[in-house]
Amino acid sequence: MWKDEGCIVFNGPDEQFLSGLAAGAIGGIGGTYAVMPELYLKIYELYGKGEMETARQIQNEACRIIYKMCTAKGNLYAVQKAIIRLQGGPDAGSVRLPMPPWPTETHPSCGKRQG
């Protein structure tokens, strides 16, 4: 729909990545993509192949992880930075003010994939 009008549209809500693609978006811009890039890349690949049911199942798994991240204490961006660090990624420090940093008494499930 948007492609026909000469526009390029990216999907925003991470929880709706697959729906955005189905509505005509060509990709996504998401805050949680760095925490689980393999899931979003797989959704994109499966969408391109027309394997919507499998893509939907993976989108649901990404949503479950996002909802679990939201149960952690602290700001979601601080939680994401901590998870990336725990996964062996770069230490990008904490979030900037006025956002609160991730507390030292962290949520026990952050950094671990539930499976």
PDB file of N, CA and C in Angstrom:
ATOM      1  N   MET A   1       0.821  -1.184   0.000  1.00  0.00           N
ATOM      2  CA  MET A   1       0.000   0.000   0.000  1.00  0.00           C
ATOM      3  C   MET A   1       0.864   1.246   0.000  1.00  0.00           C
ATOM      4  N   TRP A   2       1.823   1.385   0.940  1.00  0.00           N
ATOM      5  CA  TRP A   2       2.656   2.580   0.971  1.00  0.00           C
ATOM      6  C   TRP A   2       3.700   2.558  -0.133  1.00  0.00           C
ATOM      7  N   LYS A   3       4.172   1.366  -0.476  1.00  0.00           N
ATOM      8  CA  LYS A   3       5.183   1.260  -1.527  1.00  0.00           C
ATOM      9  C   LYS A   3       4.641   1.809  -2.842  1.00  0.00           C
ATOM     10  N   ASP A   4       3.348   1.578  -3.073  1.00  0.00           N
ATOM     11  CA  ASP A   4       2.720   2.066  -4.298  1.00  0.00           C
ATOM     12  C   ASP A   4       2.654   3.587  -4.339  1.00  0.00           C
ATOM     13  N   GLU A   5       2.708   4.219  -3.191  1.00  0.00           N
ATOM     14  CA  GLU A   5       2.618   5.668  -3.112  1.00  0.00           C
ATOM     15  C   GLU A   5       3.992   6.333  -3.070  1.00  0.00           C
ATOM     16  N   GLY A   6       5.048   5.531  -3.252  1.00  0.00           N
ATOM     17  CA  GLY A   6       6.393   6.071  -3.256  1.00  0.00           C
ATOM     18  C   GLY A   6       6.974   6.323  -1.877  1.00  0.00           C
ATOM     19  N   CYS A   7       6.367   5.782  -0.843  1.00  0.00           N
ATOM     20  CA  CYS A   7       6.846   5.967   0.523  1.00  0.00           C
ATOM     21  C   CYS A   7       7.550   4.708   1.010  1.00  0.00           C
ATOM     22  N   ILE A   8       8.481   4.888   1.905  1.00  0.00           N
ATOM     23  CA  ILE A   8       9.122   3.770   2.590  1.00  0.00           C
ATOM     24  C   ILE A   8       8.704   3.873   4.044  1.00  0.00           C
ATOM     25  N   VAL A   9       8.097   2.803   4.562  1.00  0.00           N
ATOM     26  CA  VAL A   9       7.582   2.821   5.921  1.00  0.00           C
ATOM     27  C   VAL A   9       8.236   1.714   6.734  1.00  0.00           C
ATOM     28  N   PHE A  10       8.682   2.064   7.937  1.00  0.00           N
ATOM     29  CA  PHE A  10       9.219   1.099   8.884  1.00  0.00           C
ATOM     30  C   PHE A  10       8.213   0.929  10.012  1.00  0.00           C
ATOM     31  N   ASN A  11       8.106  -0.284  10.512  1.00  0.00           N
ATOM     32  CA  ASN A  11       7.245  -0.563  11.651  1.00  0.00           C
ATOM     33  C   ASN A  11       7.949  -0.129  12.932  1.00  0.00           C
ATOM     34  N   GLY A  12       7.196   0.348  13.920  1.00  0.00           N
ATOM     35  CA  GLY A  12       7.787   0.787  15.165  1.00  0.00           C
ATOM     36  C   GLY A  12       7.618  -0.174  16.328  1.00  0.00           C
ATOM     37  N   PRO A  13       6.394  -0.544  16.699  1.00  0.00           N
ATOM     38  CA  PRO A  13       6.234  -1.399  17.879  1.00  0.00           C
ATOM     39  C   PRO A  13       6.840  -2.791  17.672  1.00  0.00           C
ATOM     40  N   ASP A  14       7.757  -3.160  18.532  1.00  0.00           N
ATOM     41  CA  ASP A  14       8.434  -4.460  18.412  1.00  0.00           C
ATOM     42  C   ASP A  14       7.447  -5.615  18.477  1.00  0.00           C
ATOM     43  N   GLU A  15       6.421  -5.464  19.319  1.00  0.00           N
ATOM     44  CA  GLU A  15       5.424  -6.517  19.487  1.00  0.00           C
ATOM     45  C   GLU A  15       4.556  -6.705  18.247  1.00  0.00           C
ATOM     46  N   GLN A  16       4.635  -5.779  17.307  1.00  0.00           N
ATOM     47  CA  GLN A  16       3.812  -5.838  16.102  1.00  0.00           C
ATOM     48  C   GLN A  16       4.652  -5.895  14.832  1.00  0.00           C
ATOM     49  N   PHE A  17       5.880  -6.385  14.929  1.00  0.00           N
ATOM     50  CA  PHE A  17       6.776  -6.405  13.780  1.00  0.00           C
ATOM     51  C   PHE A  17       6.164  -7.161  12.604  1.00  0.00           C
ATOM     52  N   LEU A  18       5.694  -8.372  12.835  1.00  0.00           N
ATOM     53  CA  LEU A  18       5.109  -9.167  11.754  1.00  0.00           C
ATOM     54  C   LEU A  18       3.866  -8.498  11.184  1.00  0.00           C
ATOM     55  N   SER A  19       3.028  -7.950  12.044  1.00  0.00           N
ATOM     56  CA  SER A  19       1.826  -7.255  11.571  1.00  0.00           C
ATOM     57  C   SER A  19       2.185  -6.049  10.713  1.00  0.00           C
ATOM     58  N   GLY A  20       3.248  -5.348  11.109  1.00  0.00           N
ATOM     59  CA  GLY A  20       3.700  -4.205  10.322  1.00  0.00           C
ATOM     60  C   GLY A  20       4.159  -4.622   8.931  1.00  0.00           C
ATOM     61  N   LEU A  21       4.899  -5.720   8.856  1.00  0.00           N
ATOM     62  CA  LEU A  21       5.332  -6.234   7.551  1.00  0.00           C
ATOM     63  C   LEU A  21       4.122  -6.589   6.700  1.00  0.00           C
ATOM     64  N   ALA A  22       3.149  -7.259   7.312  1.00  0.00           N
ATOM     65  CA  ALA A  22       1.947  -7.667   6.586  1.00  0.00           C
ATOM     66  C   ALA A  22       1.145  -6.467   6.100  1.00  0.00           C
ATOM     67  N   ALA A  23       1.249  -5.346   6.805  1.00  0.00           N
ATOM     68  CA  ALA A  23       0.528  -4.131   6.417  1.00  0.00           C
ATOM     69  C   ALA A  23       1.279  -3.301   5.379  1.00  0.00           C
ATOM     70  N   GLY A  24       2.513  -3.723   5.033  1.00  0.00           N
ATOM     71  CA  GLY A  24       3.245  -3.022   3.995  1.00  0.00           C
ATOM     72  C   GLY A  24       4.557  -2.383   4.404  1.00  0.00           C
ATOM     73  N   ALA A  25       4.907  -2.443   5.690  1.00  0.00           N
ATOM     74  CA  ALA A  25       6.201  -1.893   6.118  1.00  0.00           C
ATOM     75  C   ALA A  25       7.322  -2.729   5.503  1.00  0.00           C
ATOM     76  N   ILE A  26       8.469  -2.102   5.244  1.00  0.00           N
ATOM     77  CA  ILE A  26       9.578  -2.843   4.643  1.00  0.00           C
ATOM     78  C   ILE A  26      10.584  -3.328   5.685  1.00  0.00           C
ATOM     79  N   GLY A  27      10.395  -2.942   6.936  1.00  0.00           N
ATOM     80  CA  GLY A  27      11.291  -3.340   8.010  1.00  0.00           C
ATOM     81  C   GLY A  27      10.816  -2.734   9.307  1.00  0.00           C
ATOM     82  N   GLY A  28      11.660  -2.798  10.316  1.00  0.00           N
ATOM     83  CA  GLY A  28      11.266  -2.278  11.615  1.00  0.00           C
ATOM     84  C   GLY A  28      12.383  -1.522  12.294  1.00  0.00           C
ATOM     85  N   ILE A  29      11.996  -0.673  13.215  1.00  0.00           N
ATOM     86  CA  ILE A  29      12.929   0.053  14.064  1.00  0.00           C
ATOM     87  C   ILE A  29      12.473  -0.258  15.483  1.00  0.00           C
ATOM     88  N   GLY A  30      13.260  -1.058  16.203  1.00  0.00           N
ATOM     89  CA  GLY A  30      12.786  -1.495  17.506  1.00  0.00           C
ATOM     90  C   GLY A  30      13.830  -1.432  18.592  1.00  0.00           C
ATOM     91  N   GLY A  31      13.369  -1.203  19.793  1.00  0.00           N
ATOM     92  CA  GLY A  31      14.250  -1.116  20.939  1.00  0.00           C
ATOM     93  C   GLY A  31      14.760  -2.459  21.418  1.00  0.00           C
ATOM     94  N   THR A  32      13.971  -3.526  21.216  1.00  0.00           N
ATOM     95  CA  THR A  32      14.387  -4.829  21.719  1.00  0.00           C
ATOM     96  C   THR A  32      15.109  -5.668  20.670  1.00  0.00           C
ATOM     97  N   TYR A  33      15.305  -5.144  19.482  1.00  0.00           N
ATOM     98  CA  TYR A  33      15.954  -5.926  18.413  1.00  0.00           C
ATOM     99  C   TYR A  33      17.381  -6.324  18.793  1.00  0.00           C
ATOM    100  N   ALA A  34      18.079  -5.485  19.534  1.00  0.00           N
ATOM    101  CA  ALA A  34      19.464  -5.791  19.912  1.00  0.00           C
ATOM    102  C   ALA A  34      19.542  -6.911  20.943  1.00  0.00           C
ATOM    103  N   VAL A  35      18.482  -7.115  21.707  1.00  0.00           N
ATOM    104  CA  VAL A  35      18.465  -8.155  22.723  1.00  0.00           C
ATOM    105  C   VAL A  35      18.239  -9.533  22.098  1.00  0.00           C
ATOM    106  N   MET A  36      17.474  -9.590  21.022  1.00  0.00           N
ATOM    107  CA  MET A  36      17.144 -10.869  20.376  1.00  0.00           C
ATOM    108  C   MET A  36      17.088 -10.729  18.853  1.00  0.00           C
ATOM    109  N   PRO A  37      18.199 -10.304  18.244  1.00  0.00           N
ATOM    110  CA  PRO A  37      18.182 -10.057  16.800  1.00  0.00           C
ATOM    111  C   PRO A  37      17.845 -11.293  15.981  1.00  0.00           C
ATOM    112  N   GLU A  38      18.263 -12.463  16.456  1.00  0.00           N
ATOM    113  CA  GLU A  38      18.018 -13.685  15.683  1.00  0.00           C
ATOM    114  C   GLU A  38      16.526 -13.955  15.518  1.00  0.00           C
ATOM    115  N   LEU A  39      15.716 -13.576  16.493  1.00  0.00           N
ATOM    116  CA  LEU A  39      14.272 -13.792  16.367  1.00  0.00           C
ATOM    117  C   LEU A  39      13.666 -12.868  15.315  1.00  0.00           C
ATOM    118  N   TYR A  40      14.045 -11.599  15.346  1.00  0.00           N
ATOM    119  CA  TYR A  40      13.479 -10.661  14.376  1.00  0.00           C
ATOM    120  C   TYR A  40      13.974 -10.949  12.953  1.00  0.00           C
ATOM    121  N   LEU A  41      15.220 -11.361  12.827  1.00  0.00           N
ATOM    122  CA  LEU A  41      15.724 -11.734  11.500  1.00  0.00           C
ATOM    123  C   LEU A  41      14.981 -12.947  10.955  1.00  0.00           C
ATOM    124  N   LYS A  42      14.663 -13.894  11.835  1.00  0.00           N
ATOM    125  CA  LYS A  42      13.928 -15.090  11.413  1.00  0.00           C
ATOM    126  C   LYS A  42      12.499 -14.731  11.020  1.00  0.00           C
ATOM    127  N   ILE A  43      11.860 -13.860  11.782  1.00  0.00           N
ATOM    128  CA  ILE A  43      10.505 -13.406  11.429  1.00  0.00           C
ATOM    129  C   ILE A  43      10.525 -12.783  10.039  1.00  0.00           C
ATOM    130  N   TYR A  44      11.498 -11.910   9.789  1.00  0.00           N
ATOM    131  CA  TYR A  44      11.609 -11.235   8.496  1.00  0.00           C
ATOM    132  C   TYR A  44      11.820 -12.249   7.367  1.00  0.00           C
ATOM    133  N   GLU A  45      12.700 -13.207   7.610  1.00  0.00           N
ATOM    134  CA  GLU A  45      12.980 -14.241   6.608  1.00  0.00           C
ATOM    135  C   GLU A  45      11.727 -15.068   6.311  1.00  0.00           C
ATOM    136  N   LEU A  46      11.050 -15.518   7.353  1.00  0.00           N
ATOM    137  CA  LEU A  46       9.851 -16.342   7.177  1.00  0.00           C
ATOM    138  C   LEU A  46       8.731 -15.560   6.505  1.00  0.00           C
ATOM    139  N   TYR A  47       8.575 -14.293   6.854  1.00  0.00           N
ATOM    140  CA  TYR A  47       7.572 -13.457   6.194  1.00  0.00           C
ATOM    141  C   TYR A  47       7.853 -13.404   4.688  1.00  0.00           C
ATOM    142  N   GLY A  48       9.112 -13.210   4.332  1.00  0.00           N
ATOM    143  CA  GLY A  48       9.489 -13.145   2.920  1.00  0.00           C
ATOM    144  C   GLY A  48       9.207 -14.438   2.166  1.00  0.00           C
ATOM    145  N   LYS A  49       9.242 -15.560   2.874  1.00  0.00           N
ATOM    146  CA  LYS A  49       8.953 -16.864   2.266  1.00  0.00           C
ATOM    147  C   LYS A  49       7.463 -17.207   2.296  1.00  0.00           C
ATOM    148  N   GLY A  50       6.682 -16.354   2.958  1.00  0.00           N
ATOM    149  CA  GLY A  50       5.247 -16.616   3.067  1.00  0.00           C
ATOM    150  C   GLY A  50       4.892 -17.613   4.153  1.00  0.00           C
ATOM    151  N   GLU A  51       5.820 -17.911   5.046  1.00  0.00           N
ATOM    152  CA  GLU A  51       5.585 -18.875   6.123  1.00  0.00           C
ATOM    153  C   GLU A  51       5.062 -18.135   7.357  1.00  0.00           C
ATOM    154  N   MET A  52       3.834 -17.651   7.224  1.00  0.00           N
ATOM    155  CA  MET A  52       3.253 -16.766   8.234  1.00  0.00           C
ATOM    156  C   MET A  52       3.018 -17.438   9.578  1.00  0.00           C
ATOM    157  N   GLU A  53       2.592 -18.697   9.589  1.00  0.00           N
ATOM    158  CA  GLU A  53       2.301 -19.349  10.869  1.00  0.00           C
ATOM    159  C   GLU A  53       3.564 -19.503  11.700  1.00  0.00           C
ATOM    160  N   THR A  54       4.647 -19.920  11.085  1.00  0.00           N
ATOM    161  CA  THR A  54       5.903 -20.057  11.813  1.00  0.00           C
ATOM    162  C   THR A  54       6.410 -18.683  12.246  1.00  0.00           C
ATOM    163  N   ALA A  55       6.269 -17.687  11.367  1.00  0.00           N
ATOM    164  CA  ALA A  55       6.672 -16.318  11.714  1.00  0.00           C
ATOM    165  C   ALA A  55       5.853 -15.813  12.897  1.00  0.00           C
ATOM    166  N   ARG A  56       4.571 -16.136  12.913  1.00  0.00           N
ATOM    167  CA  ARG A  56       3.697 -15.714  14.009  1.00  0.00           C
ATOM    168  C   ARG A  56       4.123 -16.352  15.326  1.00  0.00           C
ATOM    169  N   GLN A  57       4.501 -17.620  15.292  1.00  0.00           N
ATOM    170  CA  GLN A  57       4.954 -18.301  16.509  1.00  0.00           C
ATOM    171  C   GLN A  57       6.219 -17.638  17.064  1.00  0.00           C
ATOM    172  N   ILE A  58       7.129 -17.270  16.184  1.00  0.00           N
ATOM    173  CA  ILE A  58       8.362 -16.614  16.632  1.00  0.00           C
ATOM    174  C   ILE A  58       8.057 -15.202  17.141  1.00  0.00           C
ATOM    175  N   GLN A  59       7.138 -14.500  16.479  1.00  0.00           N
ATOM    176  CA  GLN A  59       6.724 -13.178  16.966  1.00  0.00           C
ATOM    177  C   GLN A  59       6.137 -13.299  18.372  1.00  0.00           C
ATOM    178  N   ASN A  60       5.340 -14.335  18.598  1.00  0.00           N
ATOM    179  CA  ASN A  60       4.776 -14.550  19.934  1.00  0.00           C
ATOM    180  C   ASN A  60       5.868 -14.803  20.964  1.00  0.00           C
ATOM    181  N   GLU A  61       6.904 -15.545  20.594  1.00  0.00           N
ATOM    182  CA  GLU A  61       8.024 -15.787  21.507  1.00  0.00           C
ATOM    183  C   GLU A  61       8.736 -14.468  21.823  1.00  0.00           C
ATOM    184  N   ALA A  62       8.950 -13.631  20.813  1.00  0.00           N
ATOM    185  CA  ALA A  62       9.568 -12.320  21.050  1.00  0.00           C
ATOM    186  C   ALA A  62       8.702 -11.497  22.006  1.00  0.00           C
ATOM    187  N   CYS A  63       7.390 -11.552  21.837  1.00  0.00           N
ATOM    188  CA  CYS A  63       6.488 -10.816  22.722  1.00  0.00           C
ATOM    189  C   CYS A  63       6.589 -11.332  24.155  1.00  0.00           C
ATOM    190  N   ARG A  64       6.669 -12.649  24.322  1.00  0.00           N
ATOM    191  CA  ARG A  64       6.812 -13.207  25.677  1.00  0.00           C
ATOM    192  C   ARG A  64       8.093 -12.687  26.339  1.00  0.00           C
ATOM    193  N   ILE A  65       9.169 -12.603  25.578  1.00  0.00           N
ATOM    194  CA  ILE A  65      10.437 -12.099  26.122  1.00  0.00           C
ATOM    195  C   ILE A  65      10.308 -10.618  26.491  1.00  0.00           C
ATOM    196  N   ILE A  66       9.669  -9.842  25.624  1.00  0.00           N
ATOM    197  CA  ILE A  66       9.462  -8.417  25.911  1.00  0.00           C
ATOM    198  C   ILE A  66       8.646  -8.246  27.190  1.00  0.00           C
ATOM    199  N   TYR A  67       7.567  -9.019  27.323  1.00  0.00           N
ATOM    200  CA  TYR A  67       6.734  -8.900  28.520  1.00  0.00           C
ATOM    201  C   TYR A  67       7.517  -9.295  29.765  1.00  0.00           C
ATOM    202  N   LYS A  68       8.387 -10.296  29.652  1.00  0.00           N
ATOM    203  CA  LYS A  68       9.228 -10.699  30.783  1.00  0.00           C
ATOM    204  C   LYS A  68      10.205  -9.577  31.133  1.00  0.00           C
ATOM    205  N   MET A  69      10.777  -8.943  30.107  1.00  0.00           N
ATOM    206  CA  MET A  69      11.689  -7.822  30.353  1.00  0.00           C
ATOM    207  C   MET A  69      10.968  -6.691  31.084  1.00  0.00           C
ATOM    208  N   CYS A  70       9.704  -6.491  30.767  1.00  0.00           N
ATOM    209  CA  CYS A  70       8.936  -5.415  31.396  1.00  0.00           C
ATOM    210  C   CYS A  70       8.642  -5.699  32.864  1.00  0.00           C
ATOM    211  N   THR A  71       8.792  -6.948  33.301  1.00  0.00           N
ATOM    212  CA  THR A  71       8.575  -7.263  34.713  1.00  0.00           C
ATOM    213  C   THR A  71       9.815  -6.995  35.560  1.00  0.00           C
ATOM    214  N   ALA A  72      10.948  -6.763  34.920  1.00  0.00           N
ATOM    215  CA  ALA A  72      12.183  -6.484  35.652  1.00  0.00           C
ATOM    216  C   ALA A  72      12.093  -5.107  36.297  1.00  0.00           C
ATOM    217  N   LYS A  73      12.814  -4.948  37.383  1.00  0.00           N
ATOM    218  CA  LYS A  73      12.845  -3.641  38.040  1.00  0.00           C
ATOM    219  C   LYS A  73      13.674  -2.693  37.192  1.00  0.00           C
ATOM    220  N   GLY A  74      13.229  -1.472  37.093  1.00  0.00           N
ATOM    221  CA  GLY A  74      14.005  -0.469  36.378  1.00  0.00           C
ATOM    222  C   GLY A  74      13.433  -0.112  35.024  1.00  0.00           C
ATOM    223  N   ASN A  75      14.076   0.805  34.403  1.00  0.00           N
ATOM    224  CA  ASN A  75      13.714   1.310  33.095  1.00  0.00           C
ATOM    225  C   ASN A  75      13.987   0.244  32.035  1.00  0.00           C
ATOM    226  N   LEU A  76      13.098   0.092  31.055  1.00  0.00           N
ATOM    227  CA  LEU A  76      13.261  -0.943  30.032  1.00  0.00           C
ATOM    228  C   LEU A  76      14.571  -0.785  29.268  1.00  0.00           C
ATOM    229  N   TYR A  77      15.001   0.432  28.990  1.00  0.00           N
ATOM    230  CA  TYR A  77      16.262   0.635  28.274  1.00  0.00           C
ATOM    231  C   TYR A  77      17.459   0.195  29.120  1.00  0.00           C
ATOM    232  N   ALA A  78      17.391   0.445  30.409  1.00  0.00           N
ATOM    233  CA  ALA A  78      18.453  -0.009  31.307  1.00  0.00           C
ATOM    234  C   ALA A  78      18.481  -1.531  31.369  1.00  0.00           C
ATOM    235  N   VAL A  79      17.307  -2.145  31.394  1.00  0.00           N
ATOM    236  CA  VAL A  79      17.208  -3.607  31.402  1.00  0.00           C
ATOM    237  C   VAL A  79      17.816  -4.173  30.121  1.00  0.00           C
ATOM    238  N   GLN A  80      17.490  -3.569  28.987  1.00  0.00           N
ATOM    239  CA  GLN A  80      18.031  -4.050  27.701  1.00  0.00           C
ATOM    240  C   GLN A  80      19.557  -3.956  27.671  1.00  0.00           C
ATOM    241  N   LYS A  81      20.100  -2.844  28.150  1.00  0.00           N
ATOM    242  CA  LYS A  81      21.561  -2.699  28.172  1.00  0.00           C
ATOM    243  C   LYS A  81      22.197  -3.758  29.061  1.00  0.00           C
ATOM    244  N   ALA A  82      21.555  -4.053  30.190  1.00  0.00           N
ATOM    245  CA  ALA A  82      22.081  -5.068  31.099  1.00  0.00           C
ATOM    246  C   ALA A  82      22.019  -6.456  30.463  1.00  0.00           C
ATOM    247  N   ILE A  83      20.939  -6.758  29.765  1.00  0.00           N
ATOM    248  CA  ILE A  83      20.815  -8.064  29.108  1.00  0.00           C
ATOM    249  C   ILE A  83      21.881  -8.219  28.036  1.00  0.00           C
ATOM    250  N   ILE A  84      22.096  -7.197  27.246  1.00  0.00           N
ATOM    251  CA  ILE A  84      23.128  -7.255  26.205  1.00  0.00           C
ATOM    252  C   ILE A  84      24.491  -7.516  26.829  1.00  0.00           C
ATOM    253  N   ARG A  85      24.765  -6.840  27.943  1.00  0.00           N
ATOM    254  CA  ARG A  85      26.020  -7.060  28.673  1.00  0.00           C
ATOM    255  C   ARG A  85      26.116  -8.507  29.156  1.00  0.00           C
ATOM    256  N   LEU A  86      25.032  -9.030  29.750  1.00  0.00           N
ATOM    257  CA  LEU A  86      25.009 -10.399  30.262  1.00  0.00           C
ATOM    258  C   LEU A  86      25.151 -11.436  29.142  1.00  0.00           C
ATOM    259  N   GLN A  87      24.724 -11.077  27.937  1.00  0.00           N
ATOM    260  CA  GLN A  87      24.841 -11.982  26.792  1.00  0.00           C
ATOM    261  C   GLN A  87      26.238 -11.946  26.177  1.00  0.00           C
ATOM    262  N   GLY A  88      27.126 -11.144  26.741  1.00  0.00           N
ATOM    263  CA  GLY A  88      28.487 -11.049  26.216  1.00  0.00           C
ATOM    264  C   GLY A  88      28.684  -9.918  25.232  1.00  0.00           C
ATOM    265  N   GLY A  89      27.687  -9.068  25.100  1.00  0.00           N
ATOM    266  CA  GLY A  89      27.794  -7.919  24.207  1.00  0.00           C
ATOM    267  C   GLY A  89      28.579  -6.798  24.849  1.00  0.00           C
ATOM    268  N   PRO A  90      28.695  -5.687  24.158  1.00  0.00           N
ATOM    269  CA  PRO A  90      29.487  -4.565  24.687  1.00  0.00           C
ATOM    270  C   PRO A  90      28.822  -3.930  25.900  1.00  0.00           C
ATOM    271  N   ASP A  91      29.659  -3.374  26.757  1.00  0.00           N
ATOM    272  CA  ASP A  91      29.166  -2.630  27.899  1.00  0.00           C
ATOM    273  C   ASP A  91      28.967  -1.192  27.445  1.00  0.00           C
ATOM    274  N   ALA A  92      27.704  -0.831  27.218  1.00  0.00           N
ATOM    275  CA  ALA A  92      27.379   0.520  26.755  1.00  0.00           C
ATOM    276  C   ALA A  92      27.033   1.439  27.914  1.00  0.00           C
ATOM    277  N   GLY A  93      27.386   1.026  29.121  1.00  0.00           N
ATOM    278  CA  GLY A  93      27.094   1.853  30.272  1.00  0.00           C
ATOM    279  C   GLY A  93      25.632   1.809  30.650  1.00  0.00           C
ATOM    280  N   SER A  94      25.208   2.790  31.385  1.00  0.00           N
ATOM    281  CA  SER A  94      23.825   2.862  31.834  1.00  0.00           C
ATOM    282  C   SER A  94      23.056   3.845  30.966  1.00  0.00           C
ATOM    283  N   VAL A  95      21.812   4.025  31.306  1.00  0.00           N
ATOM    284  CA  VAL A  95      20.981   4.994  30.590  1.00  0.00           C
ATOM    285  C   VAL A  95      21.304   6.395  31.092  1.00  0.00           C
ATOM    286  N   ARG A  96      20.946   7.383  30.309  1.00  0.00           N
ATOM    287  CA  ARG A  96      21.212   8.765  30.698  1.00  0.00           C
ATOM    288  C   ARG A  96      20.051   9.289  31.546  1.00  0.00           C
ATOM    289  N   LEU A  97      20.356  10.300  32.319  1.00  0.00           N
ATOM    290  CA  LEU A  97      19.318  10.951  33.112  1.00  0.00           C
ATOM    291  C   LEU A  97      18.323  11.627  32.184  1.00  0.00           C
ATOM    292  N   PRO A  98      17.094  11.681  32.522  1.00  0.00           N
ATOM    293  CA  PRO A  98      16.475  11.402  33.810  1.00  0.00           C
ATOM    294  C   PRO A  98      16.013   9.941  33.972  1.00  0.00           C
ATOM    295  N   MET A  99      16.356   9.056  33.060  1.00  0.00           N
ATOM    296  CA  MET A  99      15.938   7.662  33.208  1.00  0.00           C
ATOM    297  C   MET A  99      16.713   6.997  34.341  1.00  0.00           C
ATOM    298  N   PRO A 100      16.026   6.195  35.143  1.00  0.00           N
ATOM    299  CA  PRO A 100      16.710   5.536  36.260  1.00  0.00           C
ATOM    300  C   PRO A 100      17.558   4.359  35.781  1.00  0.00           C
ATOM    301  N   PRO A 101      18.715   4.141  36.397  1.00  0.00           N
ATOM    302  CA  PRO A 101      19.545   2.989  36.023  1.00  0.00           C
ATOM    303  C   PRO A 101      18.915   1.693  36.514  1.00  0.00           C
ATOM    304  N   TRP A 102      19.441   0.576  36.013  1.00  0.00           N
ATOM    305  CA  TRP A 102      18.970  -0.728  36.463  1.00  0.00           C
ATOM    306  C   TRP A 102      19.466  -0.941  37.878  1.00  0.00           C
ATOM    307  N   PRO A 103      18.572  -1.264  38.832  1.00  0.00           N
ATOM    308  CA  PRO A 103      19.013  -1.436  40.220  1.00  0.00           C
ATOM    309  C   PRO A 103      19.946  -2.639  40.381  1.00  0.00           C
ATOM    310  N   THR A 104      20.750  -2.609  41.410  1.00  0.00           N
ATOM    311  CA  THR A 104      21.692  -3.707  41.635  1.00  0.00           C
ATOM    312  C   THR A 104      20.977  -4.995  42.008  1.00  0.00           C
ATOM    313  N   GLU A 105      19.802  -4.899  42.621  1.00  0.00           N
ATOM    314  CA  GLU A 105      19.042  -6.114  42.932  1.00  0.00           C
ATOM    315  C   GLU A 105      18.202  -6.470  41.697  1.00  0.00           C
ATOM    316  N   THR A 106      18.874  -7.046  40.714  1.00  0.00           N
ATOM    317  CA  THR A 106      18.269  -7.280  39.406  1.00  0.00           C
ATOM    318  C   THR A 106      17.258  -8.419  39.428  1.00  0.00           C
ATOM    319  N   HIS A 107      16.423  -8.401  38.435  1.00  0.00           N
ATOM    320  CA  HIS A 107      15.422  -9.446  38.252  1.00  0.00           C
ATOM    321  C   HIS A 107      16.150 -10.734  37.862  1.00  0.00           C
ATOM    322  N   PRO A 108      15.858 -11.861  38.515  1.00  0.00           N
ATOM    323  CA  PRO A 108      16.625 -13.082  38.270  1.00  0.00           C
ATOM    324  C   PRO A 108      16.511 -13.646  36.863  1.00  0.00           C
ATOM    325  N   SER A 109      15.459 -13.327  36.136  1.00  0.00           N
ATOM    326  CA  SER A 109      15.301 -13.932  34.818  1.00  0.00           C
ATOM    327  C   SER A 109      15.939 -13.119  33.699  1.00  0.00           C
ATOM    328  N   CYS A 110      16.370 -11.908  33.976  1.00  0.00           N
ATOM    329  CA  CYS A 110      16.975 -11.095  32.923  1.00  0.00           C
ATOM    330  C   CYS A 110      18.314 -11.670  32.515  1.00  0.00           C
ATOM    331  N   GLY A 111      18.534 -11.700  31.216  1.00  0.00           N
ATOM    332  CA  GLY A 111      19.774 -12.232  30.696  1.00  0.00           C
ATOM    333  C   GLY A 111      19.695 -13.711  30.366  1.00  0.00           C
ATOM    334  N   LYS A 112      18.607 -14.361  30.771  1.00  0.00           N
ATOM    335  CA  LYS A 112      18.424 -15.779  30.477  1.00  0.00           C
ATOM    336  C   LYS A 112      17.208 -15.935  29.578  1.00  0.00           C
ATOM    337  N   ARG A 113      17.353 -16.715  28.523  1.00  0.00           N
ATOM    338  CA  ARG A 113      16.212 -17.032  27.671  1.00  0.00           C
ATOM    339  C   ARG A 113      15.379 -18.094  28.359  1.00  0.00           C
ATOM    340  N   GLN A 114      14.111 -17.872  28.391  1.00  0.00           N
ATOM    341  CA  GLN A 114      13.211 -18.895  28.915  1.00  0.00           C
ATOM    342  C   GLN A 114      12.890 -19.829  27.765  1.00  0.00           C
ATOM    343  N   GLY A 115      12.951 -21.107  27.969  1.00  0.00           N
ATOM    344  CA  GLY A 115      12.739 -21.928  26.806  1.00  0.00           C
ATOM    345  C   GLY A 115      12.134 -23.197  27.093  1.00  0.00           C
TER     346      GLY A 115
END
